N, C-alpha and C. Protein backbone atom coordinates (compact mmCIF):
# COMPACT_ATOMS: atom_id res chain seq x y z
N MET A 1 13.37 -20.03 0.20
CA MET A 1 12.48 -19.03 0.75
C MET A 1 11.20 -19.71 1.24
N GLY A 2 10.65 -19.19 2.33
CA GLY A 2 9.42 -19.75 2.88
C GLY A 2 8.21 -19.34 2.07
N SER A 3 7.09 -19.88 2.45
CA SER A 3 5.85 -19.57 1.74
C SER A 3 5.34 -18.18 2.12
N VAL A 4 4.39 -17.72 1.36
CA VAL A 4 3.78 -16.41 1.62
C VAL A 4 3.12 -16.43 3.00
N GLU A 5 2.48 -17.52 3.35
CA GLU A 5 1.83 -17.62 4.66
C GLU A 5 2.86 -17.53 5.79
N GLU A 6 4.02 -18.16 5.61
CA GLU A 6 5.07 -18.07 6.63
C GLU A 6 5.56 -16.64 6.78
N LEU A 7 5.73 -15.97 5.65
CA LEU A 7 6.16 -14.57 5.67
C LEU A 7 5.12 -13.70 6.37
N LYS A 8 3.86 -13.95 6.07
CA LYS A 8 2.77 -13.21 6.69
C LYS A 8 2.76 -13.45 8.20
N ASP A 9 2.94 -14.68 8.63
CA ASP A 9 2.98 -15.00 10.06
C ASP A 9 4.13 -14.27 10.75
N ARG A 10 5.29 -14.26 10.11
CA ARG A 10 6.44 -13.57 10.69
C ARG A 10 6.17 -12.06 10.77
N PHE A 11 5.56 -11.51 9.73
CA PHE A 11 5.23 -10.08 9.71
C PHE A 11 4.28 -9.75 10.86
N ASN A 12 3.27 -10.59 11.05
CA ASN A 12 2.28 -10.33 12.10
C ASN A 12 2.88 -10.36 13.50
N LYS A 13 4.01 -11.00 13.67
CA LYS A 13 4.66 -11.07 14.98
C LYS A 13 5.52 -9.83 15.26
N LEU A 14 5.75 -8.99 14.26
CA LEU A 14 6.55 -7.78 14.44
C LEU A 14 5.78 -6.75 15.25
N THR A 15 6.52 -5.83 15.86
CA THR A 15 5.88 -4.69 16.51
C THR A 15 5.36 -3.76 15.41
N ASP A 16 4.52 -2.82 15.79
CA ASP A 16 4.02 -1.86 14.80
C ASP A 16 5.17 -1.07 14.18
N GLU A 17 6.15 -0.71 14.98
CA GLU A 17 7.30 0.04 14.46
C GLU A 17 8.09 -0.81 13.46
N GLU A 18 8.27 -2.09 13.78
CA GLU A 18 8.99 -2.98 12.87
C GLU A 18 8.20 -3.20 11.58
N LYS A 19 6.88 -3.31 11.70
CA LYS A 19 6.04 -3.47 10.51
C LYS A 19 6.17 -2.26 9.60
N LEU A 20 6.15 -1.07 10.18
CA LEU A 20 6.28 0.15 9.40
C LEU A 20 7.65 0.22 8.73
N ALA A 21 8.70 -0.13 9.46
CA ALA A 21 10.05 -0.13 8.89
C ALA A 21 10.14 -1.13 7.74
N PHE A 22 9.52 -2.29 7.91
CA PHE A 22 9.52 -3.30 6.85
C PHE A 22 8.79 -2.77 5.61
N LEU A 23 7.62 -2.21 5.81
CA LEU A 23 6.85 -1.68 4.68
C LEU A 23 7.63 -0.61 3.93
N LYS A 24 8.30 0.27 4.68
CA LYS A 24 9.12 1.31 4.04
C LYS A 24 10.24 0.68 3.23
N SER A 25 10.81 -0.40 3.73
CA SER A 25 11.95 -1.02 3.03
C SER A 25 11.54 -1.74 1.76
N VAL A 26 10.29 -2.24 1.68
CA VAL A 26 9.87 -2.98 0.49
C VAL A 26 9.10 -2.12 -0.51
N MET A 27 8.72 -0.91 -0.14
CA MET A 27 7.95 -0.07 -1.05
C MET A 27 8.63 0.19 -2.39
N PRO A 28 9.94 0.43 -2.43
CA PRO A 28 10.56 0.63 -3.75
C PRO A 28 10.39 -0.57 -4.68
N SER A 29 10.51 -1.78 -4.15
CA SER A 29 10.31 -2.98 -4.97
C SER A 29 8.86 -3.10 -5.40
N PHE A 30 7.97 -2.79 -4.48
CA PHE A 30 6.54 -2.82 -4.77
C PHE A 30 6.21 -1.86 -5.91
N CYS A 31 6.76 -0.66 -5.83
CA CYS A 31 6.52 0.34 -6.88
C CYS A 31 7.09 -0.11 -8.22
N GLU A 32 8.27 -0.72 -8.21
CA GLU A 32 8.87 -1.21 -9.46
C GLU A 32 7.98 -2.25 -10.12
N ILE A 33 7.47 -3.17 -9.33
CA ILE A 33 6.61 -4.22 -9.87
C ILE A 33 5.40 -3.62 -10.56
N PHE A 34 4.74 -2.69 -9.88
CA PHE A 34 3.52 -2.13 -10.44
C PHE A 34 3.78 -1.09 -11.52
N ALA A 35 4.97 -0.50 -11.54
CA ALA A 35 5.29 0.42 -12.63
C ALA A 35 5.41 -0.35 -13.95
N LYS A 36 5.79 -1.61 -13.86
CA LYS A 36 5.89 -2.45 -15.06
C LYS A 36 4.53 -2.74 -15.66
N ASN A 37 3.49 -2.76 -14.81
CA ASN A 37 2.15 -3.10 -15.28
C ASN A 37 1.12 -2.32 -14.48
N PRO A 38 0.94 -1.02 -14.78
CA PRO A 38 0.00 -0.20 -14.01
C PRO A 38 -1.44 -0.70 -14.04
N GLU A 39 -1.83 -1.30 -15.14
CA GLU A 39 -3.20 -1.83 -15.23
C GLU A 39 -3.43 -2.91 -14.20
N LYS A 40 -2.42 -3.75 -13.99
CA LYS A 40 -2.54 -4.81 -12.99
C LYS A 40 -2.66 -4.19 -11.61
N MET A 41 -1.88 -3.15 -11.34
CA MET A 41 -1.96 -2.48 -10.06
C MET A 41 -3.36 -1.95 -9.83
N MET A 42 -3.89 -1.28 -10.81
CA MET A 42 -5.22 -0.70 -10.67
C MET A 42 -6.28 -1.78 -10.49
N SER A 43 -6.19 -2.86 -11.25
CA SER A 43 -7.22 -3.88 -11.19
C SER A 43 -7.12 -4.76 -9.95
N GLU A 44 -5.90 -4.98 -9.44
CA GLU A 44 -5.73 -5.87 -8.29
C GLU A 44 -5.61 -5.14 -6.97
N MET A 45 -4.90 -4.04 -6.94
CA MET A 45 -4.60 -3.40 -5.67
C MET A 45 -5.63 -2.35 -5.24
N MET A 46 -6.13 -1.59 -6.17
CA MET A 46 -7.06 -0.53 -5.79
C MET A 46 -8.32 -1.08 -5.12
N PRO A 47 -8.92 -2.16 -5.62
CA PRO A 47 -10.08 -2.72 -4.90
C PRO A 47 -9.72 -3.15 -3.48
N MET A 48 -8.52 -3.71 -3.30
CA MET A 48 -8.08 -4.11 -1.96
C MET A 48 -7.92 -2.88 -1.06
N CYS A 49 -7.34 -1.82 -1.60
CA CYS A 49 -7.15 -0.59 -0.82
C CYS A 49 -8.49 0.01 -0.43
N ARG A 50 -9.44 0.03 -1.35
CA ARG A 50 -10.76 0.57 -1.04
C ARG A 50 -11.43 -0.26 0.05
N GLU A 51 -11.34 -1.58 -0.06
CA GLU A 51 -11.95 -2.45 0.95
C GLU A 51 -11.27 -2.27 2.30
N MET A 52 -9.95 -2.12 2.31
CA MET A 52 -9.21 -1.91 3.54
C MET A 52 -9.64 -0.61 4.20
N THR A 53 -9.76 0.45 3.43
CA THR A 53 -10.15 1.72 4.01
C THR A 53 -11.57 1.65 4.57
N ARG A 54 -12.46 0.93 3.88
CA ARG A 54 -13.83 0.77 4.40
C ARG A 54 -13.84 -0.05 5.68
N SER A 55 -13.15 -1.18 5.67
CA SER A 55 -13.19 -2.08 6.83
C SER A 55 -12.51 -1.48 8.06
N CYS A 56 -11.58 -0.56 7.85
CA CYS A 56 -10.89 0.10 8.96
C CYS A 56 -11.49 1.46 9.27
N ASN A 57 -12.63 1.77 8.66
CA ASN A 57 -13.30 3.05 8.85
C ASN A 57 -12.39 4.23 8.55
N MET A 58 -11.63 4.13 7.46
CA MET A 58 -10.76 5.22 7.03
C MET A 58 -11.43 5.96 5.88
N ASP A 59 -11.15 7.23 5.79
CA ASP A 59 -11.66 8.08 4.72
C ASP A 59 -10.54 8.29 3.71
N MET A 60 -10.63 7.64 2.54
CA MET A 60 -9.56 7.71 1.54
C MET A 60 -9.31 9.14 1.08
N GLN A 61 -10.36 9.89 0.81
CA GLN A 61 -10.18 11.28 0.36
C GLN A 61 -9.50 12.11 1.45
N GLY A 62 -9.91 11.91 2.70
CA GLY A 62 -9.29 12.63 3.80
C GLY A 62 -7.82 12.26 3.96
N MET A 63 -7.51 10.97 3.81
CA MET A 63 -6.13 10.52 3.91
C MET A 63 -5.29 11.14 2.80
N MET A 64 -5.81 11.18 1.59
CA MET A 64 -5.07 11.74 0.47
C MET A 64 -4.82 13.23 0.69
N LYS A 65 -5.79 13.93 1.23
CA LYS A 65 -5.61 15.36 1.52
C LYS A 65 -4.53 15.56 2.56
N ARG A 66 -4.54 14.73 3.62
CA ARG A 66 -3.52 14.84 4.66
C ARG A 66 -2.13 14.53 4.12
N MET A 67 -2.05 13.68 3.10
CA MET A 67 -0.76 13.34 2.50
C MET A 67 -0.34 14.35 1.45
N GLY A 68 -1.16 15.39 1.23
CA GLY A 68 -0.82 16.41 0.26
C GLY A 68 -1.18 16.05 -1.16
N MET A 69 -2.01 15.02 -1.32
CA MET A 69 -2.40 14.60 -2.66
C MET A 69 -3.69 15.27 -3.08
N GLY A 70 -4.42 15.84 -2.15
CA GLY A 70 -5.63 16.59 -2.45
C GLY A 70 -6.69 15.79 -3.17
N GLY A 71 -6.65 14.48 -3.07
CA GLY A 71 -7.64 13.65 -3.72
C GLY A 71 -7.41 13.52 -5.21
N ALA A 72 -6.27 13.96 -5.67
CA ALA A 72 -5.94 13.87 -7.10
C ALA A 72 -5.63 12.43 -7.48
N PRO A 73 -5.78 12.06 -8.75
CA PRO A 73 -5.44 10.72 -9.17
C PRO A 73 -3.99 10.39 -8.86
N MET A 74 -3.73 9.12 -8.61
CA MET A 74 -2.38 8.69 -8.29
C MET A 74 -1.40 9.08 -9.37
N GLY A 75 -0.25 9.58 -8.95
CA GLY A 75 0.79 9.95 -9.91
C GLY A 75 0.69 11.37 -10.41
N SER A 76 -0.42 12.06 -10.09
CA SER A 76 -0.58 13.41 -10.62
C SER A 76 0.11 14.46 -9.77
N ASN A 77 0.68 14.06 -8.63
CA ASN A 77 1.36 15.04 -7.77
C ASN A 77 2.86 15.04 -7.98
N LYS A 78 3.33 14.47 -9.07
CA LYS A 78 4.76 14.45 -9.34
C LYS A 78 5.23 15.84 -9.74
N HIS A 79 6.45 16.18 -9.35
CA HIS A 79 7.00 17.51 -9.66
C HIS A 79 7.90 17.43 -10.87
């Protein structure tokens, strides 16, 4: 397997549609990894998500409302 940087370079060469399809395909694995250690997810990923939303001028609360999460804590919208 190639390095993370090689994978990142290949990802960046994809079209937006291909990037979205790729993200959808790896999300189940991503969720499994973080379900094993939720504290790690919160400590490592949430700061990155907050920074990403700020740097891209996105409104996290607005995004959560549009996704039907209503700004509730993650995992609280399970049925």
